[in-house]
Each structure stands twice: as C-alpha cells, then as structure tokens.
Amino acid sequence: MFAQQQHDRRRFFGMAALSLAAAWIGTRDSVMHMITAKPFRISSASDLASLGRATAWLNSAPLTAADLQGKVVLVNFWTYTCINWLRTLPYVRAWAARYKEQGLVVIGVHTPEFTFEEDVDNVRRAAKERGVTYPIAIDNDRAIWGGFGNHYWPAVYFIDAAGKVRDHHFGEGNYEESEMRIRQLLAAAGGGGGMDREFVSFEAHGPEVGADWGSLKSPETYVGQHKAENFASPGGAVVNTRHLYAVPPRLRLHQWALSGEWTMRPEAAVLNAASGRMAFRFHARDLHLIMGPAARRGAIPFRVFIDGARSRLVRYSSRRDNGPCRSSLCRMVRSRCYDHQGEPKRCSSL
C-alpha cells in the first residue's frame, strides 16, 4: 500500500511521524523488560508518597498519600499516544465511574515517552478527547514512575485503604480479574464491592476497540532513528539531515520505507516537501500511526492506499468527523490491510 500527500503546497507545513505499529504487546518497553521484571512485592506507603513529586495535576488539586488515606486507589500509568493504553481506557473509565461512590479513587499518572508528550496542553487536550475526568498526575520527571519501580505503559497498581500496593497488572487484558480485585479491596475497606454485580460493559469505538489478537503478527516499530527497526529504504537512515528516500521494489513482512524528502530525527521522521510517502508491509487487522503537523497550524491532508487502491477504512482519533490531520498529534487507526486468506498486504500510512 502506498499513501501520497495531496499536491497542495500552500497547505503543506510538514508532517511528523513517530511510531508505526500493529502494537502486538502490552508494553512500550522491550520484551526483555517483561521477562526480567522483578517479582511483585507488597509495598509500603512510599509508592503513594511519590505522588508529591508530580510536576502538575489535571482534573484535581494535588493529591498526597495523606489525602488518600482510607481510600482504595487504582494508579494507572499511561502516555496518551500508547495504543495499548487506549485499548484499556474504557475499562478504567468505567471502573472510576462505577466504584467512585464506594470509595475508589482512580489516578492516571501520565509519564511521557516522546518529548511532545511532556507538553501539559497536549495531555489536557488528549484527556478531554478521551473523556478522562479522574485526577491526572503529570510525571514529566518520571519521579512517580521510579517511586513505583514501574517499567510499562499501561500499568495498573491496586492500593488498599492503608496505602499499600496489593496487586498490579501490566499491559492489556485481565479485566475481570482486575475489577474483582477492586471489589475485594473496597469490601475490605468497608465500602462494599458489589461482588454479585455484572462486570462493566460498554461499546468501544475508534482506537479503544480491542485488538484482534488472532491476526496480529507484526510488532511495533518507531519511525524516529533512535528506536527504528526494519527500515528498508536503500542506503538506510541519514540522521538529522534532509535526505531523498525511496521505497524498494519489494518490502518483506514487517519492513517499512520512506519515499520523498524527509529528515530522520531521533524521535520522528519529518516530511520536508509535499508528495512524500511511507510504505509498510505488515500483518494485522489495524495499523496505528502517531503523526501530526510539524507546526501547530493548518491541516495536513493525506491519503491511504492498500496495494494501490485508496482505502476508505481509515479513522482519525483527533477529530470526530474523520477530517484531515489538524491537531498537534493525530493517530490513524483501523486501516484494514490483509486479505480474506490472512495474507499480508503492502500497506502504508501517509
């Protein structure tokens, strides 16, 4: 599949692409972190004490361990571009709403991965778009991340009314078990737990729709030079320099390439002139791409092609009406790129 910028140079301001993924695991760190993580331990209240080192708070006045004494707390580590977190969010939102009156406090700890995610206005905008109304601790210094000894996006920690971490879960899945753990901690705290109630249910939309694990064969990669994998443009990446790239005649499964004049930066690839393309051959139901205008102005129109045919199965999480990419960060999701026999297609995202 190829995707080509429209030839309207007056509206071209540069496109920054950062992460290209089918998002096959529930973590943005390496698989080895998942394998070598230390066994879970029951903590002291020192984990909650790290909340005092948040760089800012959204949706709430600053919260401390003392403020949360007697409350059951669910701490959710997230970063707003993480597709794995986005797919867990409907559950966290629903738990926050259902169990609030019984004493549950949900705190979203936003620990950024990319530099632009350190911008509090970007986090505020993303939280509003995703309906996140519970307290958010901005963790730009990774002080809370370090306080919990965390390594993953997303991660949830279950904290009892005495302020001790009693359980955790990394990545996606395990939702009913997680909700049951919340109920158990609430019951122990005297707030009831509704053990006989049905588990939360909802209809997910856009990037919050659960993964199709049966078709998901391709791993995540980064478009920036620092963590890019399987880059196949002839000659490789030229870092921090305007360079004319080309797509090879054939891409192997999981390979991607650029076409046109791009600058490959450590965190992102920036398109310098109109008519640039990105091609990616992958095997999954959905393709997710983090991208947005390099400058906060105007709109960057783009098209998506699958094996040369323009795709209509594209959604943009930044706008409800599926218009062009206008915000400082857009994500294209749910681009269907494999045939009925499950054969991988030649796909792309710009």
Foldseek 3Di string as FASTA:
>chain_A
DKKFFDPDQVQAQKKKWWKKWPAQWFFPDDVVCVVPPDDDDKFALQLQQLLVVFPDKPLDDRDGSVNLALAKEKEKEAQLQRLQQLQCVVLLVVLCVPCVQLRYAYEYEYEYDDPVSLPVVVVVLSCVLSVPNGMYGYCPVCSSVVSVVHRGPTKIFIAANRNITDDMDTTDDPRVVVLVVNQVRSVVSVSHRPNVDDRDDDDDDDSNDDFPNVFADEGMATQAPQTGDQEDWPPDADAQDWDATDDDPDGDEFHKYKGGTWHRYRRIIMHDGGTIMMKHWYTGQKMKIKMARPDQDGFGAMWWDWPRHTDPQWAKSSDPVRDTGRGRIIMIMRGGAADPVRHITITGDD
